[in-house]
Amino acid sequence: MDFFDKDFILPGLFSALSGLFGWAMGRKKENVEIQGSEITNVQEAIKIWREMATDMKAEVADLKDKVETLTNEIHTLRAENVELRTKLGLTNEDNENKH
């Protein structure tokens, strides 16, 4: 039996080439699937981020309204305080001397 017999070499060579070709195509397909998966993950992350940004935007608007309301209340209370102190005849100097 000759080692370089065409009945032994050719089927082995074709098998090796077929295996190499299959591996290369499988690897390419796997890379495409990985890239598709990565794109899907990025899209999901963007969707989540947008939802969070929308929620935070609404919360910031609500907090701005509350700050404005509280600021107006402070101004009103200060004005009432000055008015009451004037009616009672108190000044800032009297208040400082008592403490």
PDB file of N, CA and C in Angstrom:
ATOM      1  N   MET A   1       0.852  -1.181   0.000  1.00  0.00           N
ATOM      2  CA  MET A   1       0.000   0.000   0.000  1.00  0.00           C
ATOM      3  C   MET A   1       0.886   1.229   0.000  1.00  0.00           C
ATOM      4  N   ASP A   2       0.654   2.075  -0.928  1.00  0.00           N
ATOM      5  CA  ASP A   2       1.436   3.306  -1.087  1.00  0.00           C
ATOM      6  C   ASP A   2       0.823   4.393  -0.203  1.00  0.00           C
ATOM      7  N   PHE A   3       1.662   5.127   0.534  1.00  0.00           N
ATOM      8  CA  PHE A   3       1.175   6.172   1.444  1.00  0.00           C
ATOM      9  C   PHE A   3       0.494   7.301   0.695  1.00  0.00           C
ATOM     10  N   PHE A   4       0.954   7.588  -0.476  1.00  0.00           N
ATOM     11  CA  PHE A   4       0.385   8.665  -1.270  1.00  0.00           C
ATOM     12  C   PHE A   4      -0.697   8.156  -2.219  1.00  0.00           C
ATOM     13  N   ASP A   5      -1.344   7.122  -1.824  1.00  0.00           N
ATOM     14  CA  ASP A   5      -2.413   6.536  -2.627  1.00  0.00           C
ATOM     15  C   ASP A   5      -3.549   7.539  -2.763  1.00  0.00           C
ATOM     16  N   LYS A   6      -4.011   7.739  -3.976  1.00  0.00           N
ATOM     17  CA  LYS A   6      -5.073   8.723  -4.226  1.00  0.00           C
ATOM     18  C   LYS A   6      -6.377   8.351  -3.526  1.00  0.00           C
ATOM     19  N   ASP A   7      -6.586   7.106  -3.229  1.00  0.00           N
ATOM     20  CA  ASP A   7      -7.800   6.707  -2.519  1.00  0.00           C
ATOM     21  C   ASP A   7      -7.762   7.124  -1.050  1.00  0.00           C
ATOM     22  N   PHE A   8      -6.597   7.404  -0.540  1.00  0.00           N
ATOM     23  CA  PHE A   8      -6.448   7.799   0.863  1.00  0.00           C
ATOM     24  C   PHE A   8      -6.274   9.316   1.005  1.00  0.00           C
ATOM     25  N   ILE A   9      -5.469   9.902   0.145  1.00  0.00           N
ATOM     26  CA  ILE A   9      -5.132  11.322   0.229  1.00  0.00           C
ATOM     27  C   ILE A   9      -6.305  12.206  -0.187  1.00  0.00           C
ATOM     28  N   LEU A  10      -6.914  11.940  -1.301  1.00  0.00           N
ATOM     29  CA  LEU A  10      -7.974  12.824  -1.808  1.00  0.00           C
ATOM     30  C   LEU A  10      -9.162  12.912  -0.854  1.00  0.00           C
ATOM     31  N   PRO A  11      -9.685  11.810  -0.335  1.00  0.00           N
ATOM     32  CA  PRO A  11     -10.795  11.945   0.610  1.00  0.00           C
ATOM     33  C   PRO A  11     -10.376  12.688   1.884  1.00  0.00           C
ATOM     34  N   GLY A  12      -9.180  12.458   2.353  1.00  0.00           N
ATOM     35  CA  GLY A  12      -8.682  13.158   3.544  1.00  0.00           C
ATOM     36  C   GLY A  12      -8.524  14.640   3.283  1.00  0.00           C
ATOM     37  N   LEU A  13      -7.984  14.970   2.103  1.00  0.00           N
ATOM     38  CA  LEU A  13      -7.795  16.374   1.732  1.00  0.00           C
ATOM     39  C   LEU A  13      -9.141  17.081   1.602  1.00  0.00           C
ATOM     40  N   PHE A  14     -10.096  16.423   0.946  1.00  0.00           N
ATOM     41  CA  PHE A  14     -11.432  17.025   0.804  1.00  0.00           C
ATOM     42  C   PHE A  14     -12.121  17.173   2.167  1.00  0.00           C
ATOM     43  N   SER A  15     -11.934  16.213   3.022  1.00  0.00           N
ATOM     44  CA  SER A  15     -12.520  16.294   4.366  1.00  0.00           C
ATOM     45  C   SER A  15     -11.922  17.460   5.140  1.00  0.00           C
ATOM     46  N   ALA A  16     -10.621  17.596   5.047  1.00  0.00           N
ATOM     47  CA  ALA A  16      -9.950  18.690   5.759  1.00  0.00           C
ATOM     48  C   ALA A  16     -10.402  20.041   5.212  1.00  0.00           C
ATOM     49  N   LEU A  17     -10.457  20.154   3.886  1.00  0.00           N
ATOM     50  CA  LEU A  17     -10.899  21.419   3.274  1.00  0.00           C
ATOM     51  C   LEU A  17     -12.358  21.714   3.610  1.00  0.00           C
ATOM     52  N   SER A  18     -13.184  20.705   3.609  1.00  0.00           N
ATOM     53  CA  SER A  18     -14.602  20.889   3.950  1.00  0.00           C
ATOM     54  C   SER A  18     -14.741  21.332   5.407  1.00  0.00           C
ATOM     55  N   GLY A  19     -13.974  20.716   6.281  1.00  0.00           N
ATOM     56  CA  GLY A  19     -14.009  21.106   7.690  1.00  0.00           C
ATOM     57  C   GLY A  19     -13.546  22.523   7.886  1.00  0.00           C
ATOM     58  N   LEU A  20     -12.468  22.897   7.207  1.00  0.00           N
ATOM     59  CA  LEU A  20     -11.946  24.264   7.306  1.00  0.00           C
ATOM     60  C   LEU A  20     -12.953  25.269   6.751  1.00  0.00           C
ATOM     61  N   PHE A  21     -13.560  24.941   5.605  1.00  0.00           N
ATOM     62  CA  PHE A  21     -14.564  25.816   5.015  1.00  0.00           C
ATOM     63  C   PHE A  21     -15.778  25.954   5.936  1.00  0.00           C
ATOM     64  N   GLY A  22     -16.235  24.854   6.495  1.00  0.00           N
ATOM     65  CA  GLY A  22     -17.379  24.882   7.423  1.00  0.00           C
ATOM     66  C   GLY A  22     -17.070  25.697   8.665  1.00  0.00           C
ATOM     67  N   TRP A  23     -15.867  25.553   9.190  1.00  0.00           N
ATOM     68  CA  TRP A  23     -15.456  26.324  10.370  1.00  0.00           C
ATOM     69  C   TRP A  23     -15.446  27.821  10.049  1.00  0.00           C
ATOM     70  N   ALA A  24     -14.889  28.179   8.877  1.00  0.00           N
ATOM     71  CA  ALA A  24     -14.812  29.592   8.482  1.00  0.00           C
ATOM     72  C   ALA A  24     -16.213  30.188   8.325  1.00  0.00           C
ATOM     73  N   MET A  25     -17.108  29.446   7.660  1.00  0.00           N
ATOM     74  CA  MET A  25     -18.468  29.947   7.467  1.00  0.00           C
ATOM     75  C   MET A  25     -19.216  30.027   8.802  1.00  0.00           C
ATOM     76  N   GLY A  26     -19.021  29.043   9.649  1.00  0.00           N
ATOM     77  CA  GLY A  26     -19.656  29.050  10.972  1.00  0.00           C
ATOM     78  C   GLY A  26     -19.171  30.211  11.812  1.00  0.00           C
ATOM     79  N   ARG A  27     -17.883  30.481  11.717  1.00  0.00           N
ATOM     80  CA  ARG A  27     -17.315  31.608  12.475  1.00  0.00           C
ATOM     81  C   ARG A  27     -17.889  32.931  11.982  1.00  0.00           C
ATOM     82  N   LYS A  28     -17.993  33.055  10.647  1.00  0.00           N
ATOM     83  CA  LYS A  28     -18.551  34.274  10.070  1.00  0.00           C
ATOM     84  C   LYS A  28     -20.001  34.454  10.522  1.00  0.00           C
ATOM     85  N   LYS A  29     -20.773  33.383  10.486  1.00  0.00           N
ATOM     86  CA  LYS A  29     -22.172  33.437  10.913  1.00  0.00           C
ATOM     87  C   LYS A  29     -22.263  33.802  12.392  1.00  0.00           C
ATOM     88  N   GLU A  30     -21.385  33.217  13.189  1.00  0.00           N
ATOM     89  CA  GLU A  30     -21.379  33.511  14.627  1.00  0.00           C
ATOM     90  C   GLU A  30     -21.059  34.980  14.883  1.00  0.00           C
ATOM     91  N   ASN A  31     -20.092  35.529  14.143  1.00  0.00           N
ATOM     92  CA  ASN A  31     -19.748  36.945  14.296  1.00  0.00           C
ATOM     93  C   ASN A  31     -20.920  37.852  13.922  1.00  0.00           C
ATOM     94  N   VAL A  32     -21.634  37.493  12.868  1.00  0.00           N
ATOM     95  CA  VAL A  32     -22.808  38.276  12.453  1.00  0.00           C
ATOM     96  C   VAL A  32     -23.880  38.211  13.534  1.00  0.00           C
ATOM     97  N   GLU A  33     -24.088  37.028  14.112  1.00  0.00           N
ATOM     98  CA  GLU A  33     -25.085  36.884  15.172  1.00  0.00           C
ATOM     99  C   GLU A  33     -24.687  37.679  16.407  1.00  0.00           C
ATOM    100  N   ILE A  34     -23.398  37.672  16.729  1.00  0.00           N
ATOM    101  CA  ILE A  34     -22.915  38.444  17.885  1.00  0.00           C
ATOM    102  C   ILE A  34     -23.139  39.928  17.654  1.00  0.00           C
ATOM    103  N   GLN A  35     -22.820  40.401  16.447  1.00  0.00           N
ATOM    104  CA  GLN A  35     -23.031  41.817  16.142  1.00  0.00           C
ATOM    105  C   GLN A  35     -24.513  42.170  16.214  1.00  0.00           C
ATOM    106  N   GLY A  36     -25.366  41.290  15.716  1.00  0.00           N
ATOM    107  CA  GLY A  36     -26.812  41.526  15.795  1.00  0.00           C
ATOM    108  C   GLY A  36     -27.279  41.577  17.237  1.00  0.00           C
ATOM    109  N   SER A  37     -26.737  40.699  18.054  1.00  0.00           N
ATOM    110  CA  SER A  37     -27.077  40.677  19.477  1.00  0.00           C
ATOM    111  C   SER A  37     -26.605  41.956  20.161  1.00  0.00           C
ATOM    112  N   GLU A  38     -25.400  42.402  19.817  1.00  0.00           N
ATOM    113  CA  GLU A  38     -24.877  43.636  20.406  1.00  0.00           C
ATOM    114  C   GLU A  38     -25.746  44.831  20.022  1.00  0.00           C
ATOM    115  N   ILE A  39     -26.176  44.879  18.774  1.00  0.00           N
ATOM    116  CA  ILE A  39     -27.043  45.972  18.320  1.00  0.00           C
ATOM    117  C   ILE A  39     -28.360  45.952  19.089  1.00  0.00           C
ATOM    118  N   THR A  40     -28.911  44.768  19.274  1.00  0.00           N
ATOM    119  CA  THR A  40     -30.158  44.643  20.035  1.00  0.00           C
ATOM    120  C   THR A  40     -29.954  45.123  21.470  1.00  0.00           C
ATOM    121  N   ASN A  41     -28.844  44.732  22.079  1.00  0.00           N
ATOM    122  CA  ASN A  41     -28.560  45.161  23.453  1.00  0.00           C
ATOM    123  C   ASN A  41     -28.408  46.671  23.545  1.00  0.00           C
ATOM    124  N   VAL A  42     -27.730  47.268  22.584  1.00  0.00           N
ATOM    125  CA  VAL A  42     -27.548  48.720  22.585  1.00  0.00           C
ATOM    126  C   VAL A  42     -28.893  49.413  22.412  1.00  0.00           C
ATOM    127  N   GLN A  43     -29.728  48.887  21.537  1.00  0.00           N
ATOM    128  CA  GLN A  43     -31.050  49.484  21.328  1.00  0.00           C
ATOM    129  C   GLN A  43     -31.894  49.400  22.599  1.00  0.00           C
ATOM    130  N   GLU A  44     -31.818  48.285  23.298  1.00  0.00           N
ATOM    131  CA  GLU A  44     -32.552  48.142  24.561  1.00  0.00           C
ATOM    132  C   GLU A  44     -32.025  49.129  25.600  1.00  0.00           C
ATOM    133  N   ALA A  45     -30.702  49.285  25.660  1.00  0.00           N
ATOM    134  CA  ALA A  45     -30.106  50.225  26.612  1.00  0.00           C
ATOM    135  C   ALA A  45     -30.543  51.656  26.297  1.00  0.00           C
ATOM    136  N   ILE A  46     -30.586  52.006  25.025  1.00  0.00           N
ATOM    137  CA  ILE A  46     -31.034  53.344  24.613  1.00  0.00           C
ATOM    138  C   ILE A  46     -32.494  53.544  25.007  1.00  0.00           C
ATOM    139  N   LYS A  47     -33.313  52.531  24.801  1.00  0.00           N
ATOM    140  CA  LYS A  47     -34.736  52.622  25.156  1.00  0.00           C
ATOM    141  C   LYS A  47     -34.897  52.861  26.660  1.00  0.00           C
ATOM    142  N   ILE A  48     -34.164  52.089  27.455  1.00  0.00           N
ATOM    143  CA  ILE A  48     -34.225  52.245  28.915  1.00  0.00           C
ATOM    144  C   ILE A  48     -33.750  53.637  29.315  1.00  0.00           C
ATOM    145  N   TRP A  49     -32.649  54.096  28.721  1.00  0.00           N
ATOM    146  CA  TRP A  49     -32.111  55.422  29.040  1.00  0.00           C
ATOM    147  C   TRP A  49     -33.123  56.513  28.694  1.00  0.00           C
ATOM    148  N   ARG A  50     -33.767  56.397  27.555  1.00  0.00           N
ATOM    149  CA  ARG A  50     -34.760  57.403  27.160  1.00  0.00           C
ATOM    150  C   ARG A  50     -35.931  57.439  28.135  1.00  0.00           C
ATOM    151  N   GLU A  51     -36.391  56.262  28.565  1.00  0.00           N
ATOM    152  CA  GLU A  51     -37.487  56.210  29.530  1.00  0.00           C
ATOM    153  C   GLU A  51     -37.072  56.869  30.847  1.00  0.00           C
ATOM    154  N   MET A  52     -35.860  56.565  31.281  1.00  0.00           N
ATOM    155  CA  MET A  52     -35.373  57.162  32.523  1.00  0.00           C
ATOM    156  C   MET A  52     -35.234  58.676  32.374  1.00  0.00           C
ATOM    157  N   ALA A  53     -34.736  59.123  31.235  1.00  0.00           N
ATOM    158  CA  ALA A  53     -34.576  60.560  30.997  1.00  0.00           C
ATOM    159  C   ALA A  53     -35.930  61.262  30.998  1.00  0.00           C
ATOM    160  N   THR A  54     -36.936  60.628  30.409  1.00  0.00           N
ATOM    161  CA  THR A  54     -38.283  61.209  30.386  1.00  0.00           C
ATOM    162  C   THR A  54     -38.836  61.303  31.804  1.00  0.00           C
ATOM    163  N   ASP A  55     -38.657  60.229  32.576  1.00  0.00           N
ATOM    164  CA  ASP A  55     -39.127  60.234  33.963  1.00  0.00           C
ATOM    165  C   ASP A  55     -38.417  61.316  34.778  1.00  0.00           C
ATOM    166  N   MET A  56     -37.113  61.420  34.585  1.00  0.00           N
ATOM    167  CA  MET A  56     -36.346  62.422  35.344  1.00  0.00           C
ATOM    168  C   MET A  56     -36.736  63.839  34.925  1.00  0.00           C
ATOM    169  N   LYS A  57     -37.014  64.022  33.661  1.00  0.00           N
ATOM    170  CA  LYS A  57     -37.421  65.338  33.171  1.00  0.00           C
ATOM    171  C   LYS A  57     -38.727  65.760  33.835  1.00  0.00           C
ATOM    172  N   ALA A  58     -39.665  64.829  33.928  1.00  0.00           N
ATOM    173  CA  ALA A  58     -40.947  65.125  34.575  1.00  0.00           C
ATOM    174  C   ALA A  58     -40.735  65.411  36.061  1.00  0.00           C
ATOM    175  N   GLU A  59     -39.854  64.657  36.698  1.00  0.00           N
ATOM    176  CA  GLU A  59     -39.583  64.867  38.125  1.00  0.00           C
ATOM    177  C   GLU A  59     -38.916  66.225  38.362  1.00  0.00           C
ATOM    178  N   VAL A  60     -37.989  66.604  37.485  1.00  0.00           N
ATOM    179  CA  VAL A  60     -37.338  67.911  37.610  1.00  0.00           C
ATOM    180  C   VAL A  60     -38.358  69.028  37.453  1.00  0.00           C
ATOM    181  N   ALA A  61     -39.265  68.906  36.500  1.00  0.00           N
ATOM    182  CA  ALA A  61     -40.299  69.923  36.303  1.00  0.00           C
ATOM    183  C   ALA A  61     -41.171  70.031  37.553  1.00  0.00           C
ATOM    184  N   ASP A  62     -41.528  68.888  38.141  1.00  0.00           N
ATOM    185  CA  ASP A  62     -42.333  68.880  39.361  1.00  0.00           C
ATOM    186  C   ASP A  62     -41.579  69.556  40.505  1.00  0.00           C
ATOM    187  N   LEU A  63     -40.308  69.245  40.646  1.00  0.00           N
ATOM    188  CA  LEU A  63     -39.510  69.856  41.716  1.00  0.00           C
ATOM    189  C   LEU A  63     -39.339  71.358  41.510  1.00  0.00           C
ATOM    190  N   LYS A  64     -39.207  71.789  40.271  1.00  0.00           N
ATOM    191  CA  LYS A  64     -39.121  73.230  39.992  1.00  0.00           C
ATOM    192  C   LYS A  64     -40.396  73.939  40.445  1.00  0.00           C
ATOM    193  N   ASP A  65     -41.544  73.323  40.152  1.00  0.00           N
ATOM    194  CA  ASP A  65     -42.816  73.904  40.576  1.00  0.00           C
ATOM    195  C   ASP A  65     -42.897  74.001  42.097  1.00  0.00           C
ATOM    196  N   LYS A  66     -42.446  72.941  42.781  1.00  0.00           N
ATOM    197  CA  LYS A  66     -42.472  72.951  44.244  1.00  0.00           C
ATOM    198  C   LYS A  66     -41.546  74.012  44.809  1.00  0.00           C
ATOM    199  N   VAL A  67     -40.368  74.166  44.223  1.00  0.00           N
ATOM    200  CA  VAL A  67     -39.431  75.200  44.683  1.00  0.00           C
ATOM    201  C   VAL A  67     -40.033  76.582  44.489  1.00  0.00           C
ATOM    202  N   GLU A  68     -40.673  76.799  43.360  1.00  0.00           N
ATOM    203  CA  GLU A  68     -41.305  78.091  43.100  1.00  0.00           C
ATOM    204  C   GLU A  68     -42.416  78.365  44.118  1.00  0.00           C
ATOM    205  N   THR A  69     -43.227  77.348  44.418  1.00  0.00           N
ATOM    206  CA  THR A  69     -44.303  77.496  45.396  1.00  0.00           C
ATOM    207  C   THR A  69     -43.733  77.827  46.772  1.00  0.00           C
ATOM    208  N   LEU A  70     -42.700  77.099  47.178  1.00  0.00           N
ATOM    209  CA  LEU A  70     -42.089  77.339  48.490  1.00  0.00           C
ATOM    210  C   LEU A  70     -41.406  78.708  48.551  1.00  0.00           C
ATOM    211  N   THR A  71     -40.791  79.128  47.465  1.00  0.00           N
ATOM    212  CA  THR A  71     -40.173  80.455  47.429  1.00  0.00           C
ATOM    213  C   THR A  71     -41.235  81.542  47.601  1.00  0.00           C
ATOM    214  N   ASN A  72     -42.356  81.379  46.932  1.00  0.00           N
ATOM    215  CA  ASN A  72     -43.450  82.351  47.076  1.00  0.00           C
ATOM    216  C   ASN A  72     -43.976  82.368  48.512  1.00  0.00           C
ATOM    217  N   GLU A  73     -44.084  81.188  49.127  1.00  0.00           N
ATOM    218  CA  GLU A  73     -44.535  81.126  50.519  1.00  0.00           C
ATOM    219  C   GLU A  73     -43.553  81.839  51.446  1.00  0.00           C
ATOM    220  N   ILE A  74     -42.261  81.654  51.206  1.00  0.00           N
ATOM    221  CA  ILE A  74     -41.246  82.323  52.035  1.00  0.00           C
ATOM    222  C   ILE A  74     -41.387  83.827  51.911  1.00  0.00           C
ATOM    223  N   HIS A  75     -41.556  84.327  50.699  1.00  0.00           N
ATOM    224  CA  HIS A  75     -41.720  85.775  50.504  1.00  0.00           C
ATOM    225  C   HIS A  75     -42.974  86.281  51.224  1.00  0.00           C
ATOM    226  N   THR A  76     -44.051  85.522  51.132  1.00  0.00           N
ATOM    227  CA  THR A  76     -45.292  85.901  51.805  1.00  0.00           C
ATOM    228  C   THR A  76     -45.094  85.919  53.322  1.00  0.00           C
ATOM    229  N   LEU A  77     -44.461  84.878  53.858  1.00  0.00           N
ATOM    230  CA  LEU A  77     -44.234  84.806  55.312  1.00  0.00           C
ATOM    231  C   LEU A  77     -43.302  85.909  55.797  1.00  0.00           C
ATOM    232  N   ARG A  78     -42.298  86.228  55.016  1.00  0.00           N
ATOM    233  CA  ARG A  78     -41.396  87.328  55.395  1.00  0.00           C
ATOM    234  C   ARG A  78     -42.148  88.662  55.435  1.00  0.00           C
ATOM    235  N   ALA A  79     -43.003  88.855  54.426  1.00  0.00           N
ATOM    236  CA  ALA A  79     -43.782  90.100  54.396  1.00  0.00           C
ATOM    237  C   ALA A  79     -44.720  90.164  55.601  1.00  0.00           C
ATOM    238  N   GLU A  80     -45.358  89.040  55.931  1.00  0.00           N
ATOM    239  CA  GLU A  80     -46.234  89.000  57.102  1.00  0.00           C
ATOM    240  C   GLU A  80     -45.432  89.245  58.377  1.00  0.00           C
ATOM    241  N   ASN A  81     -44.228  88.679  58.444  1.00  0.00           N
ATOM    242  CA  ASN A  81     -43.376  88.861  59.614  1.00  0.00           C
ATOM    243  C   ASN A  81     -43.014  90.337  59.802  1.00  0.00           C
ATOM    244  N   VAL A  82     -42.636  90.984  58.719  1.00  0.00           N
ATOM    245  CA  VAL A  82     -42.294  92.410  58.794  1.00  0.00           C
ATOM    246  C   VAL A  82     -43.514  93.212  59.226  1.00  0.00           C
ATOM    247  N   GLU A  83     -44.661  92.888  58.661  1.00  0.00           N
ATOM    248  CA  GLU A  83     -45.898  93.605  59.007  1.00  0.00           C
ATOM    249  C   GLU A  83     -46.230  93.422  60.491  1.00  0.00           C
ATOM    250  N   LEU A  84     -46.143  92.212  60.991  1.00  0.00           N
ATOM    251  CA  LEU A  84     -46.448  91.945  62.400  1.00  0.00           C
ATOM    252  C   LEU A  84     -45.437  92.625  63.320  1.00  0.00           C
ATOM    253  N   ARG A  85     -44.169  92.589  62.948  1.00  0.00           N
ATOM    254  CA  ARG A  85     -43.141  93.241  63.773  1.00  0.00           C
ATOM    255  C   ARG A  85     -43.360  94.751  63.820  1.00  0.00           C
ATOM    256  N   THR A  86     -43.794  95.298  62.687  1.00  0.00           N
ATOM    257  CA  THR A  86     -44.075  96.735  62.648  1.00  0.00           C
ATOM    258  C   THR A  86     -45.247  97.052  63.549  1.00  0.00           C
ATOM    259  N   LYS A  87     -46.304  96.234  63.522  1.00  0.00           N
ATOM    260  CA  LYS A  87     -47.470  96.451  64.372  1.00  0.00           C
ATOM    261  C   LYS A  87     -47.107  96.347  65.847  1.00  0.00           C
ATOM    262  N   LEU A  88     -46.176  95.464  66.173  1.00  0.00           N
ATOM    263  CA  LEU A  88     -45.756  95.287  67.561  1.00  0.00           C
ATOM    264  C   LEU A  88     -44.688  96.305  67.975  1.00  0.00           C
ATOM    265  N   GLY A  89     -44.174  97.038  67.019  1.00  0.00           N
ATOM    266  CA  GLY A  89     -43.164  98.040  67.318  1.00  0.00           C
ATOM    267  C   GLY A  89     -41.780  97.453  67.522  1.00  0.00           C
ATOM    268  N   LEU A  90     -41.550  96.297  66.977  1.00  0.00           N
ATOM    269  CA  LEU A  90     -40.238  95.668  67.097  1.00  0.00           C
ATOM    270  C   LEU A  90     -39.384  96.029  65.899  1.00  0.00           C
ATOM    271  N   THR A  91     -38.082  96.171  66.166  1.00  0.00           N
ATOM    272  CA  THR A  91     -37.135  96.413  65.075  1.00  0.00           C
ATOM    273  C   THR A  91     -36.059  95.343  65.141  1.00  0.00           C
ATOM    274  N   ASN A  92     -35.219  95.334  64.186  1.00  0.00           N
ATOM    275  CA  ASN A  92     -34.122  94.375  64.186  1.00  0.00           C
ATOM    276  C   ASN A  92     -33.166  94.627  65.346  1.00  0.00           C
ATOM    277  N   GLU A  93     -32.971  95.904  65.716  1.00  0.00           N
ATOM    278  CA  GLU A  93     -32.073  96.228  66.825  1.00  0.00           C
ATOM    279  C   GLU A  93     -32.612  95.671  68.140  1.00  0.00           C
ATOM    280  N   ASP A  94     -33.932  95.772  68.359  1.00  0.00           N
ATOM    281  CA  ASP A  94     -34.539  95.217  69.573  1.00  0.00           C
ATOM    282  C   ASP A  94     -34.323  93.709  69.612  1.00  0.00           C
ATOM    283  N   ASN A  95     -34.483  93.074  68.494  1.00  0.00           N
ATOM    284  CA  ASN A  95     -34.348  91.616  68.415  1.00  0.00           C
ATOM    285  C   ASN A  95     -32.907  91.191  68.713  1.00  0.00           C
ATOM    286  N   GLU A  96     -31.932  91.953  68.201  1.00  0.00           N
ATOM    287  CA  GLU A  96     -30.527  91.620  68.407  1.00  0.00           C
ATOM    288  C   GLU A  96     -30.130  91.803  69.874  1.00  0.00           C
ATOM    289  N   ASN A  97     -30.687  92.829  70.552  1.00  0.00           N
ATOM    290  CA  ASN A  97     -30.355  93.077  71.955  1.00  0.00           C
ATOM    291  C   ASN A  97     -30.922  92.002  72.868  1.00  0.00           C
ATOM    292  N   LYS A  98     -32.035  91.379  72.501  1.00  0.00           N
ATOM    293  CA  LYS A  98     -32.682  90.371  73.349  1.00  0.00           C
ATOM    294  C   LYS A  98     -31.899  89.066  73.306  1.00  0.00           C
ATOM    295  N   HIS A  99     -31.149  88.801  72.271  1.00  0.00           N
ATOM    296  CA  HIS A  99     -30.432  87.523  72.141  1.00  0.00           C
ATOM    297  C   HIS A  99     -29.112  87.644  72.737  1.00  0.00           C
TER     298      HIS A  99
END
